[in-house]
PDB file of N, CA and C in Angstrom:
ATOM      1  N   MET A   1      98.500 106.229 101.294  1.00  0.00           N
ATOM      2  CA  MET A   1      97.306 107.043 101.355  1.00  0.00           C
ATOM      3  C   MET A   1      97.678 108.488 101.058  1.00  0.00           C
ATOM      4  N   ASN A   2      96.806 109.154 100.431  1.00  0.00           N
ATOM      5  CA  ASN A   2      97.082 110.551 100.137  1.00  0.00           C
ATOM      6  C   ASN A   2      96.348 111.441 101.132  1.00  0.00           C
ATOM      7  N   GLN A   3      96.532 112.753 100.998  1.00  0.00           N
ATOM      8  CA  GLN A   3      95.977 113.706 101.961  1.00  0.00           C
ATOM      9  C   GLN A   3      94.449 113.712 101.968  1.00  0.00           C
ATOM     10  N   GLU A   4      93.841 113.551 100.816  1.00  0.00           N
ATOM     11  CA  GLU A   4      92.380 113.610 100.761  1.00  0.00           C
ATOM     12  C   GLU A   4      91.751 112.409 101.476  1.00  0.00           C
ATOM     13  N   THR A   5      92.302 111.237 101.302  1.00  0.00           N
ATOM     14  CA  THR A   5      91.748 110.078 102.012  1.00  0.00           C
ATOM     15  C   THR A   5      92.029 110.182 103.499  1.00  0.00           C
ATOM     16  N   ASP A   6      93.117 110.791 103.909  1.00  0.00           N
ATOM     17  CA  ASP A   6      93.382 110.965 105.338  1.00  0.00           C
ATOM     18  C   ASP A   6      92.360 111.891 105.978  1.00  0.00           C
ATOM     19  N   ARG A   7      91.919 112.903 105.215  1.00  0.00           N
ATOM     20  CA  ARG A   7      90.912 113.813 105.730  1.00  0.00           C
ATOM     21  C   ARG A   7      89.554 113.125 105.857  1.00  0.00           C
ATOM     22  N   LEU A   8      89.201 112.275 104.877  1.00  0.00           N
ATOM     23  CA  LEU A   8      87.922 111.598 104.904  1.00  0.00           C
ATOM     24  C   LEU A   8      87.894 110.456 105.925  1.00  0.00           C
ATOM     25  N   TYR A   9      88.967 109.703 105.997  1.00  0.00           N
ATOM     26  CA  TYR A   9      89.053 108.562 106.899  1.00  0.00           C
ATOM     27  C   TYR A   9      90.306 108.705 107.766  1.00  0.00           C
ATOM     28  N   PRO A  10      90.217 109.454 108.863  1.00  0.00           N
ATOM     29  CA  PRO A  10      91.407 109.646 109.690  1.00  0.00           C
ATOM     30  C   PRO A  10      91.789 108.342 110.400  1.00  0.00           C
ATOM     31  N   ASN A  11      93.062 108.185 110.603  1.00  0.00           N
ATOM     32  CA  ASN A  11      93.577 106.999 111.271  1.00  0.00           C
ATOM     33  C   ASN A  11      93.415 107.193 112.778  1.00  0.00           C
ATOM     34  N   PRO A  12      92.670 106.342 113.469  1.00  0.00           N
ATOM     35  CA  PRO A  12      92.462 106.529 114.901  1.00  0.00           C
ATOM     36  C   PRO A  12      93.704 106.216 115.731  1.00  0.00           C
ATOM     37  N   MET A  13      94.706 105.588 115.124  1.00  0.00           N
ATOM     38  CA  MET A  13      95.898 105.205 115.870  1.00  0.00           C
ATOM     39  C   MET A  13      96.939 106.319 115.939  1.00  0.00           C
ATOM     40  N   THR A  14      96.747 107.404 115.196  1.00  0.00           N
ATOM     41  CA  THR A  14      97.729 108.488 115.225  1.00  0.00           C
ATOM     42  C   THR A  14      97.595 109.281 116.505  1.00  0.00           C
ATOM     43  N   THR A  15      98.699 109.753 117.032  1.00  0.00           N
ATOM     44  CA  THR A  15      98.692 110.495 118.290  1.00  0.00           C
ATOM     45  C   THR A  15      98.748 111.997 118.073  1.00  0.00           C
ATOM     46  N   ASP A  16      98.752 112.466 116.788  1.00  0.00           N
ATOM     47  CA  ASP A  16      98.806 113.912 116.554  1.00  0.00           C
ATOM     48  C   ASP A  16      97.459 114.570 116.765  1.00  0.00           C
ATOM     49  N   SER A  17      96.460 113.818 117.047  1.00  0.00           N
ATOM     50  CA  SER A  17      95.122 114.375 117.167  1.00  0.00           C
ATOM     51  C   SER A  17      95.038 115.299 118.383  1.00  0.00           C
ATOM     52  N   LYS A  18      94.511 116.477 118.173  1.00  0.00           N
ATOM     53  CA  LYS A  18      94.356 117.470 119.242  1.00  0.00           C
ATOM     54  C   LYS A  18      92.988 117.379 119.905  1.00  0.00           C
ATOM     55  N   VAL A  19      92.128 116.490 119.412  1.00  0.00           N
ATOM     56  CA  VAL A  19      90.775 116.373 119.931  1.00  0.00           C
ATOM     57  C   VAL A  19      90.808 115.490 121.182  1.00  0.00           C
ATOM     58  N   GLN A  20      90.351 116.045 122.278  1.00  0.00           N
ATOM     59  CA  GLN A  20      90.268 115.303 123.533  1.00  0.00           C
ATOM     60  C   GLN A  20      88.798 114.970 123.795  1.00  0.00           C
ATOM     61  N   PRO A  21      88.520 113.791 124.296  1.00  0.00           N
ATOM     62  CA  PRO A  21      87.125 113.478 124.597  1.00  0.00           C
ATOM     63  C   PRO A  21      86.629 114.320 125.766  1.00  0.00           C
ATOM     64  N   GLU A  22      85.383 114.733 125.654  1.00  0.00           N
ATOM     65  CA  GLU A  22      84.786 115.553 126.698  1.00  0.00           C
ATOM     66  C   GLU A  22      84.198 114.644 127.775  1.00  0.00           C
ATOM     67  N   ILE A  23      84.581 114.879 129.014  1.00  0.00           N
ATOM     68  CA  ILE A  23      84.079 114.078 130.121  1.00  0.00           C
ATOM     69  C   ILE A  23      82.998 114.873 130.821  1.00  0.00           C
ATOM     70  N   LEU A  24      81.799 114.279 130.873  1.00  0.00           N
ATOM     71  CA  LEU A  24      80.668 114.933 131.487  1.00  0.00           C
ATOM     72  C   LEU A  24      80.421 114.336 132.871  1.00  0.00           C
ATOM     73  N   PRO A  25      80.018 115.168 133.841  1.00  0.00           N
ATOM     74  CA  PRO A  25      79.739 114.614 135.174  1.00  0.00           C
ATOM     75  C   PRO A  25      78.467 113.766 135.137  1.00  0.00           C
ATOM     76  N   LEU A  26      78.454 112.728 135.966  1.00  0.00           N
ATOM     77  CA  LEU A  26      77.277 111.864 136.049  1.00  0.00           C
ATOM     78  C   LEU A  26      76.177 112.551 136.836  1.00  0.00           C
ATOM     79  N   SER A  27      74.968 112.357 136.403  1.00  0.00           N
ATOM     80  CA  SER A  27      73.828 112.931 137.093  1.00  0.00           C
ATOM     81  C   SER A  27      73.381 111.977 138.197  1.00  0.00           C
ATOM     82  N   THR A  28      73.045 112.532 139.348  1.00  0.00           N
ATOM     83  CA  THR A  28      72.597 111.694 140.455  1.00  0.00           C
ATOM     84  C   THR A  28      71.119 111.925 140.752  1.00  0.00           C
ATOM     85  N   SER A  29      70.396 112.481 139.807  1.00  0.00           N
ATOM     86  CA  SER A  29      68.973 112.738 140.015  1.00  0.00           C
ATOM     87  C   SER A  29      68.180 111.445 139.863  1.00  0.00           C
ATOM     88  N   VAL A  30      67.153 111.315 140.672  1.00  0.00           N
ATOM     89  CA  VAL A  30      66.269 110.160 140.598  1.00  0.00           C
ATOM     90  C   VAL A  30      64.888 110.658 140.213  1.00  0.00           C
ATOM     91  N   PHE A  31      64.324 110.054 139.183  1.00  0.00           N
ATOM     92  CA  PHE A  31      63.007 110.446 138.712  1.00  0.00           C
ATOM     93  C   PHE A  31      62.033 109.306 138.961  1.00  0.00           C
ATOM     94  N   THR A  32      60.899 109.623 139.489  1.00  0.00           N
ATOM     95  CA  THR A  32      59.855 108.632 139.687  1.00  0.00           C
ATOM     96  C   THR A  32      58.733 108.935 138.707  1.00  0.00           C
ATOM     97  N   VAL A  33      58.452 107.963 137.862  1.00  0.00           N
ATOM     98  CA  VAL A  33      57.411 108.134 136.863  1.00  0.00           C
ATOM     99  C   VAL A  33      56.294 107.163 137.208  1.00  0.00           C
ATOM    100  N   SER A  34      55.099 107.690 137.302  1.00  0.00           N
ATOM    101  CA  SER A  34      53.973 106.805 137.570  1.00  0.00           C
ATOM    102  C   SER A  34      52.922 107.006 136.495  1.00  0.00           C
ATOM    103  N   SER A  35      52.359 105.920 136.094  1.00  0.00           N
ATOM    104  CA  SER A  35      51.326 105.950 135.081  1.00  0.00           C
ATOM    105  C   SER A  35      49.959 105.877 135.762  1.00  0.00           C
ATOM    106  N   PRO A  36      48.966 106.572 135.239  1.00  0.00           N
ATOM    107  CA  PRO A  36      47.647 106.488 135.865  1.00  0.00           C
ATOM    108  C   PRO A  36      47.043 105.085 135.754  1.00  0.00           C
ATOM    109  N   ASN A  37      47.526 104.282 134.798  1.00  0.00           N
ATOM    110  CA  ASN A  37      46.995 102.927 134.619  1.00  0.00           C
ATOM    111  C   ASN A  37      47.816 101.874 135.353  1.00  0.00           C
ATOM    112  N   ALA A  38      48.885 102.281 136.045  1.00  0.00           N
ATOM    113  CA  ALA A  38      49.724 101.319 136.752  1.00  0.00           C
ATOM    114  C   ALA A  38      48.964 100.753 137.944  1.00  0.00           C
ATOM    115  N   PRO A  39      49.138  99.458 138.210  1.00  0.00           N
ATOM    116  CA  PRO A  39      48.414  98.865 139.340  1.00  0.00           C
ATOM    117  C   PRO A  39      48.916  99.395 140.673  1.00  0.00           C
ATOM    118  N   ARG A  40      47.974  99.561 141.605  1.00  0.00           N
ATOM    119  CA  ARG A  40      48.341 100.009 142.942  1.00  0.00           C
ATOM    120  C   ARG A  40      49.017  98.871 143.682  1.00  0.00           C
ATOM    121  N   PRO A  41      50.057  99.157 144.472  1.00  0.00           N
ATOM    122  CA  PRO A  41      50.674  98.087 145.254  1.00  0.00           C
ATOM    123  C   PRO A  41      49.828  97.760 146.474  1.00  0.00           C
ATOM    124  N   ILE A  42      49.017  96.737 146.373  1.00  0.00           N
ATOM    125  CA  ILE A  42      48.173  96.287 147.474  1.00  0.00           C
ATOM    126  C   ILE A  42      48.678  94.906 147.882  1.00  0.00           C
ATOM    127  N   PRO A  43      48.975  94.726 149.147  1.00  0.00           N
ATOM    128  CA  PRO A  43      49.412  93.389 149.548  1.00  0.00           C
ATOM    129  C   PRO A  43      48.239  92.410 149.460  1.00  0.00           C
ATOM    130  N   LEU A  44      48.423  91.368 148.695  1.00  0.00           N
ATOM    131  CA  LEU A  44      47.378  90.380 148.516  1.00  0.00           C
ATOM    132  C   LEU A  44      47.664  89.197 149.427  1.00  0.00           C
ATOM    133  N   LEU A  45      46.699  88.836 150.235  1.00  0.00           N
ATOM    134  CA  LEU A  45      46.820  87.671 151.090  1.00  0.00           C
ATOM    135  C   LEU A  45      46.049  86.543 150.413  1.00  0.00           C
ATOM    136  N   LEU A  46      46.773  85.743 149.669  1.00  0.00           N
ATOM    137  CA  LEU A  46      46.140  84.687 148.890  1.00  0.00           C
ATOM    138  C   LEU A  46      46.266  83.363 149.620  1.00  0.00           C
ATOM    139  N   GLY A  47      45.192  82.588 149.601  1.00  0.00           N
ATOM    140  CA  GLY A  47      45.187  81.293 150.247  1.00  0.00           C
ATOM    141  C   GLY A  47      44.976  80.187 149.238  1.00  0.00           C
ATOM    142  N   PRO A  48      44.722  78.976 149.714  1.00  0.00           N
ATOM    143  CA  PRO A  48      44.526  77.858 148.793  1.00  0.00           C
ATOM    144  C   PRO A  48      43.170  77.897 148.086  1.00  0.00           C
ATOM    145  N   ASP A  49      42.235  78.677 148.607  1.00  0.00           N
ATOM    146  CA  ASP A  49      40.898  78.769 148.008  1.00  0.00           C
ATOM    147  C   ASP A  49      40.662  80.187 147.492  1.00  0.00           C
ATOM    148  N   ASN A  50      39.466  80.431 146.940  1.00  0.00           N
ATOM    149  CA  ASN A  50      39.092  81.771 146.467  1.00  0.00           C
ATOM    150  C   ASN A  50      39.241  82.774 147.599  1.00  0.00           C
ATOM    151  N   THR A  51      39.718  83.972 147.277  1.00  0.00           N
ATOM    152  CA  THR A  51      39.978  85.007 148.268  1.00  0.00           C
ATOM    153  C   THR A  51      39.269  86.284 147.855  1.00  0.00           C
ATOM    154  N   VAL A  52      38.645  86.965 148.795  1.00  0.00           N
ATOM    155  CA  VAL A  52      38.012  88.257 148.527  1.00  0.00           C
ATOM    156  C   VAL A  52      39.073  89.339 148.690  1.00  0.00           C
ATOM    157  N   THR A  53      39.260  90.149 147.668  1.00  0.00           N
ATOM    158  CA  THR A  53      40.293  91.192 147.691  1.00  0.00           C
ATOM    159  C   THR A  53      39.935  92.280 146.676  1.00  0.00           C
ATOM    160  N   VAL A  54      40.806  93.269 146.544  1.00  0.00           N
ATOM    161  CA  VAL A  54      40.668  94.325 145.538  1.00  0.00           C
ATOM    162  C   VAL A  54      41.704  94.059 144.457  1.00  0.00           C
ATOM    163  N   CYS A  55      41.261  93.980 143.222  1.00  0.00           N
ATOM    164  CA  CYS A  55      42.179  93.748 142.107  1.00  0.00           C
ATOM    165  C   CYS A  55      43.046  94.990 141.901  1.00  0.00           C
ATOM    166  N   PRO A  56      44.385  94.847 141.894  1.00  0.00           N
ATOM    167  CA  PRO A  56      45.245  96.011 141.685  1.00  0.00           C
ATOM    168  C   PRO A  56      45.229  96.521 140.252  1.00  0.00           C
ATOM    169  N   PHE A  57      44.654  95.788 139.324  1.00  0.00           N
ATOM    170  CA  PHE A  57      44.622  96.207 137.922  1.00  0.00           C
ATOM    171  C   PHE A  57      43.350  96.959 137.572  1.00  0.00           C
ATOM    172  N   CYS A  58      42.176  96.414 137.981  1.00  0.00           N
ATOM    173  CA  CYS A  58      40.910  97.065 137.625  1.00  0.00           C
ATOM    174  C   CYS A  58      40.234  97.730 138.825  1.00  0.00           C
ATOM    175  N   ASN A  59      40.835  97.615 140.017  1.00  0.00           N
ATOM    176  CA  ASN A  59      40.357  98.238 141.257  1.00  0.00           C
ATOM    177  C   ASN A  59      38.935  97.826 141.641  1.00  0.00           C
ATOM    178  N   ASN A  60      38.507  96.647 141.247  1.00  0.00           N
ATOM    179  CA  ASN A  60      37.195  96.126 141.631  1.00  0.00           C
ATOM    180  C   ASN A  60      37.330  95.241 142.859  1.00  0.00           C
ATOM    181  N   ASN A  61      36.295  95.222 143.681  1.00  0.00           N
ATOM    182  CA  ASN A  61      36.239  94.245 144.769  1.00  0.00           C
ATOM    183  C   ASN A  61      35.850  92.917 144.145  1.00  0.00           C
ATOM    184  N   ILE A  62      36.698  91.910 144.319  1.00  0.00           N
ATOM    185  CA  ILE A  62      36.495  90.644 143.622  1.00  0.00           C
ATOM    186  C   ILE A  62      36.676  89.464 144.565  1.00  0.00           C
ATOM    187  N   LYS A  63      36.213  88.330 144.109  1.00  0.00           N
ATOM    188  CA  LYS A  63      36.555  87.052 144.712  1.00  0.00           C
ATOM    189  C   LYS A  63      37.364  86.332 143.645  1.00  0.00           C
ATOM    190  N   THR A  64      38.630  86.062 143.935  1.00  0.00           N
ATOM    191  CA  THR A  64      39.544  85.549 142.917  1.00  0.00           C
ATOM    192  C   THR A  64      39.086  84.211 142.373  1.00  0.00           C
ATOM    193  N   SER A  65      39.399  83.983 141.112  1.00  0.00           N
ATOM    194  CA  SER A  65      39.185  82.652 140.543  1.00  0.00           C
ATOM    195  C   SER A  65      40.508  81.904 140.662  1.00  0.00           C
ATOM    196  N   VAL A  66      40.438  80.636 140.997  1.00  0.00           N
ATOM    197  CA  VAL A  66      41.631  79.847 141.279  1.00  0.00           C
ATOM    198  C   VAL A  66      41.772  78.749 140.238  1.00  0.00           C
ATOM    199  N   ARG A  67      42.998  78.608 139.723  1.00  0.00           N
ATOM    200  CA  ARG A  67      43.343  77.489 138.841  1.00  0.00           C
ATOM    201  C   ARG A  67      44.487  76.741 139.519  1.00  0.00           C
ATOM    202  N   TYR A  68      44.318  75.459 139.694  1.00  0.00           N
ATOM    203  CA  TYR A  68      45.333  74.654 140.360  1.00  0.00           C
ATOM    204  C   TYR A  68      46.321  74.117 139.328  1.00  0.00           C
ATOM    205  N   LYS A  69      47.608  74.131 139.716  1.00  0.00           N
ATOM    206  CA  LYS A  69      48.663  73.757 138.782  1.00  0.00           C
ATOM    207  C   LYS A  69      49.583  72.735 139.438  1.00  0.00           C
ATOM    208  N   SER A  70      49.868  71.645 138.744  1.00  0.00           N
ATOM    209  CA  SER A  70      50.787  70.633 139.251  1.00  0.00           C
ATOM    210  C   SER A  70      52.210  71.180 139.265  1.00  0.00           C
ATOM    211  N   THR A  71      52.945  70.820 140.304  1.00  0.00           N
ATOM    212  CA  THR A  71      54.322  71.283 140.450  1.00  0.00           C
ATOM    213  C   THR A  71      55.241  70.087 140.642  1.00  0.00           C
ATOM    214  N   THR A  72      56.495  70.359 140.884  1.00  0.00           N
ATOM    215  CA  THR A  72      57.466  69.301 141.146  1.00  0.00           C
ATOM    216  C   THR A  72      57.062  68.493 142.371  1.00  0.00           C
ATOM    217  N   ARG A  73      56.529  69.159 143.364  1.00  0.00           N
ATOM    218  CA  ARG A  73      56.074  68.461 144.566  1.00  0.00           C
ATOM    219  C   ARG A  73      54.964  67.457 144.229  1.00  0.00           C
ATOM    220  N   THR A  74      54.064  67.829 143.338  1.00  0.00           N
ATOM    221  CA  THR A  74      52.990  66.928 142.924  1.00  0.00           C
ATOM    222  C   THR A  74      53.570  65.675 142.258  1.00  0.00           C
ATOM    223  N   HIS A  75      54.569  65.869 141.403  1.00  0.00           N
ATOM    224  CA  HIS A  75      55.182  64.739 140.698  1.00  0.00           C
ATOM    225  C   HIS A  75      55.941  63.828 141.674  1.00  0.00           C
ATOM    226  N   ILE A  76      56.624  64.418 142.650  1.00  0.00           N
ATOM    227  CA  ILE A  76      57.342  63.620 143.654  1.00  0.00           C
ATOM    228  C   ILE A  76      56.350  62.807 144.484  1.00  0.00           C
ATOM    229  N   LEU A  77      55.238  63.419 144.871  1.00  0.00           N
ATOM    230  CA  LEU A  77      54.212  62.679 145.610  1.00  0.00           C
ATOM    231  C   LEU A  77      53.641  61.534 144.771  1.00  0.00           C
ATOM    232  N   ALA A  78      53.505  61.734 143.480  1.00  0.00           N
ATOM    233  CA  ALA A  78      52.997  60.672 142.605  1.00  0.00           C
ATOM    234  C   ALA A  78      53.970  59.502 142.557  1.00  0.00           C
ATOM    235  N   VAL A  79      55.266  59.793 142.501  1.00  0.00           N
ATOM    236  CA  VAL A  79      56.271  58.724 142.499  1.00  0.00           C
ATOM    237  C   VAL A  79      56.240  57.969 143.820  1.00  0.00           C
ATOM    238  N   LEU A  80      56.127  58.689 144.945  1.00  0.00           N
ATOM    239  CA  LEU A  80      56.055  58.033 146.252  1.00  0.00           C
ATOM    240  C   LEU A  80      54.799  57.180 146.371  1.00  0.00           C
ATOM    241  N   CYS A  81      53.673  57.661 145.866  1.00  0.00           N
ATOM    242  CA  CYS A  81      52.433  56.875 145.899  1.00  0.00           C
ATOM    243  C   CYS A  81      52.559  55.630 145.040  1.00  0.00           C
ATOM    244  N   CYS A  82      53.307  55.726 143.958  1.00  0.00           N
ATOM    245  CA  CYS A  82      53.505  54.575 143.081  1.00  0.00           C
ATOM    246  C   CYS A  82      54.277  53.478 143.819  1.00  0.00           C
ATOM    247  N   PHE A  83      55.284  53.871 144.613  1.00  0.00           N
ATOM    248  CA  PHE A  83      56.064  52.894 145.372  1.00  0.00           C
ATOM    249  C   PHE A  83      55.269  52.310 146.534  1.00  0.00           C
ATOM    250  N   VAL A  84      54.439  53.120 147.175  1.00  0.00           N
ATOM    251  CA  VAL A  84      53.732  52.684 148.376  1.00  0.00           C
ATOM    252  C   VAL A  84      52.473  51.880 148.038  1.00  0.00           C
ATOM    253  N   CYS A  85      51.605  52.429 147.203  1.00  0.00           N
ATOM    254  CA  CYS A  85      50.310  51.764 146.978  1.00  0.00           C
ATOM    255  C   CYS A  85      50.003  51.510 145.510  1.00  0.00           C
ATOM    256  N   CYS A  86      50.964  51.700 144.638  1.00  0.00           N
ATOM    257  CA  CYS A  86      50.802  51.451 143.193  1.00  0.00           C
ATOM    258  C   CYS A  86      49.665  52.275 142.573  1.00  0.00           C
ATOM    259  N   CYS A  87      49.388  53.430 143.126  1.00  0.00           N
ATOM    260  CA  CYS A  87      48.352  54.307 142.569  1.00  0.00           C
ATOM    261  C   CYS A  87      48.940  55.713 142.471  1.00  0.00           C
ATOM    262  N   CYS A  88      49.594  56.001 141.349  1.00  0.00           N
ATOM    263  CA  CYS A  88      50.319  57.266 141.217  1.00  0.00           C
ATOM    264  C   CYS A  88      49.413  58.440 140.834  1.00  0.00           C
ATOM    265  N   CYS A  89      48.135  58.204 140.561  1.00  0.00           N
ATOM    266  CA  CYS A  89      47.261  59.300 140.114  1.00  0.00           C
ATOM    267  C   CYS A  89      46.648  60.081 141.274  1.00  0.00           C
ATOM    268  N   ILE A  90      46.837  59.625 142.504  1.00  0.00           N
ATOM    269  CA  ILE A  90      46.203  60.287 143.653  1.00  0.00           C
ATOM    270  C   ILE A  90      46.602  61.766 143.772  1.00  0.00           C
ATOM    271  N   PRO A  91      47.894  62.155 143.721  1.00  0.00           N
ATOM    272  CA  PRO A  91      48.229  63.584 143.858  1.00  0.00           C
ATOM    273  C   PRO A  91      47.681  64.465 142.744  1.00  0.00           C
ATOM    274  N   TYR A  92      47.454  63.879 141.565  1.00  0.00           N
ATOM    275  CA  TYR A  92      46.920  64.665 140.450  1.00  0.00           C
ATOM    276  C   TYR A  92      45.415  64.916 140.596  1.00  0.00           C
ATOM    277  N   CYS A  93      44.752  64.132 141.416  1.00  0.00           N
ATOM    278  CA  CYS A  93      43.310  64.299 141.653  1.00  0.00           C
ATOM    279  C   CYS A  93      43.017  65.223 142.829  1.00  0.00           C
ATOM    280  N   MET A  94      44.019  65.497 143.655  1.00  0.00           N
ATOM    281  CA  MET A  94      43.820  66.329 144.848  1.00  0.00           C
ATOM    282  C   MET A  94      44.342  67.746 144.609  1.00  0.00           C
ATOM    283  N   ASP A  95      43.514  68.744 144.879  1.00  0.00           N
ATOM    284  CA  ASP A  95      43.962  70.135 144.746  1.00  0.00           C
ATOM    285  C   ASP A  95      44.951  70.514 145.841  1.00  0.00           C
ATOM    286  N   SER A  96      44.936  69.802 146.952  1.00  0.00           N
ATOM    287  CA  SER A  96      45.832  70.137 148.057  1.00  0.00           C
ATOM    288  C   SER A  96      47.286  69.809 147.742  1.00  0.00           C
ATOM    289  N   ALA A  97      47.553  69.049 146.683  1.00  0.00           N
ATOM    290  CA  ALA A  97      48.924  68.728 146.296  1.00  0.00           C
ATOM    291  C   ALA A  97      49.423  69.643 145.181  1.00  0.00           C
ATOM    292  N   LYS A  98      48.638  70.664 144.838  1.00  0.00           N
ATOM    293  CA  LYS A  98      49.002  71.567 143.738  1.00  0.00           C
ATOM    294  C   LYS A  98      49.071  73.007 144.234  1.00  0.00           C
ATOM    295  N   ASN A  99      49.739  73.875 143.457  1.00  0.00           N
ATOM    296  CA  ASN A  99      49.756  75.307 143.750  1.00  0.00           C
ATOM    297  C   ASN A  99      48.467  75.942 143.233  1.00  0.00           C
ATOM    298  N   ALA A 100      48.034  77.013 143.905  1.00  0.00           N
ATOM    299  CA  ALA A 100      46.816  77.708 143.505  1.00  0.00           C
ATOM    300  C   ALA A 100      47.169  79.043 142.861  1.00  0.00           C
ATOM    301  N   ASP A 101      46.907  79.189 141.563  1.00  0.00           N
ATOM    302  CA  ASP A 101      47.129  80.448 140.845  1.00  0.00           C
ATOM    303  C   ASP A 101      45.838  81.256 140.912  1.00  0.00           C
ATOM    304  N   HIS A 102      45.932  82.514 141.387  1.00  0.00           N
ATOM    305  CA  HIS A 102      44.754  83.376 141.540  1.00  0.00           C
ATOM    306  C   HIS A 102      44.680  84.367 140.382  1.00  0.00           C
ATOM    307  N   TYR A 103      43.478  84.532 139.837  1.00  0.00           N
ATOM    308  CA  TYR A 103      43.218  85.448 138.726  1.00  0.00           C
ATOM    309  C   TYR A 103      42.011  86.314 139.056  1.00  0.00           C
ATOM    310  N   CYS A 104      41.981  87.511 138.466  1.00  0.00           N
ATOM    311  CA  CYS A 104      40.828  88.396 138.621  1.00  0.00           C
ATOM    312  C   CYS A 104      39.739  87.935 137.648  1.00  0.00           C
ATOM    313  N   PRO A 105      38.511  87.690 138.133  1.00  0.00           N
ATOM    314  CA  PRO A 105      37.453  87.263 137.212  1.00  0.00           C
ATOM    315  C   PRO A 105      36.965  88.385 136.297  1.00  0.00           C
ATOM    316  N   SER A 106      37.210  89.645 136.672  1.00  0.00           N
ATOM    317  CA  SER A 106      36.750  90.765 135.841  1.00  0.00           C
ATOM    318  C   SER A 106      37.689  91.029 134.673  1.00  0.00           C
ATOM    319  N   CYS A 107      38.986  91.240 134.987  1.00  0.00           N
ATOM    320  CA  CYS A 107      39.936  91.619 133.924  1.00  0.00           C
ATOM    321  C   CYS A 107      40.853  90.473 133.514  1.00  0.00           C
ATOM    322  N   LYS A 108      40.748  89.317 134.171  1.00  0.00           N
ATOM    323  CA  LYS A 108      41.482  88.088 133.830  1.00  0.00           C
ATOM    324  C   LYS A 108      42.986  88.205 134.047  1.00  0.00           C
ATOM    325  N   ASN A 109      43.448  89.188 134.824  1.00  0.00           N
ATOM    326  CA  ASN A 109      44.875  89.327 135.101  1.00  0.00           C
ATOM    327  C   ASN A 109      45.309  88.382 136.213  1.00  0.00           C
ATOM    328  N   TYR A 110      46.564  87.947 136.118  1.00  0.00           N
ATOM    329  CA  TYR A 110      47.157  87.077 137.137  1.00  0.00           C
ATOM    330  C   TYR A 110      47.468  87.903 138.370  1.00  0.00           C
ATOM    331  N   LEU A 111      47.057  87.420 139.549  1.00  0.00           N
ATOM    332  CA  LEU A 111      47.252  88.162 140.794  1.00  0.00           C
ATOM    333  C   LEU A 111      48.360  87.575 141.665  1.00  0.00           C
ATOM    334  N   GLY A 112      48.545  86.281 141.627  1.00  0.00           N
ATOM    335  CA  GLY A 112      49.580  85.667 142.446  1.00  0.00           C
ATOM    336  C   GLY A 112      49.349  84.180 142.603  1.00  0.00           C
ATOM    337  N   THR A 113      50.287  83.530 143.315  1.00  0.00           N
ATOM    338  CA  THR A 113      50.239  82.094 143.515  1.00  0.00           C
ATOM    339  C   THR A 113      50.351  81.775 144.993  1.00  0.00           C
ATOM    340  N   TYR A 114      49.511  80.878 145.454  1.00  0.00           N
ATOM    341  CA  TYR A 114      49.645  80.317 146.793  1.00  0.00           C
ATOM    342  C   TYR A 114      50.392  78.998 146.624  1.00  0.00           C
ATOM    343  N   GLU A 115      51.639  78.972 147.123  1.00  0.00           N
ATOM    344  CA  GLU A 115      52.470  77.783 146.995  1.00  0.00           C
ATOM    345  C   GLU A 115      52.321  76.892 148.205  1.00  0.00           C
ATOM    346  N   LYS A 116      52.244  75.606 147.969  1.00  0.00           N
ATOM    347  CA  LYS A 116      52.107  74.654 149.062  1.00  0.00           C
ATOM    348  C   LYS A 116      53.414  73.987 149.338  1.00  0.00           C
TER     349      LYS A 116
END
C-alpha cells in the first residue's frame, strides 16, 4: 500500500494512532412523556358478564360488550365430556367454560379479559 491509500483507508490494527476514544458520562435523568391522547390508567373490574365502567380510551361511561372465546380449558373439558358422556360439544355451547373478552361499544377498543 502506498501513502495515499493509507490516508484514505487507515489500518485499524496499527497502534501508532494518537486518537483516543472520548468517554462520555452516562446520564441518569428520567423523562416522563405523556400524550394527551394516552389512555388514563383506570383499574377495570371486569366480570364474566357486561360491566359498567369508564372506557380509558374514549372516556365515555359504557357498558362493555363481551365476546366469549374458547381456551385450552374449554378444549380439555370437551375431551373429558367425550370420555364421560360421549357429547364433546357441551363446553363449546356454554359461555361459562370460555374466557370473556371485554370491548368498548363506542370506540371498539379491547379493554381486558375475564379469565375463568
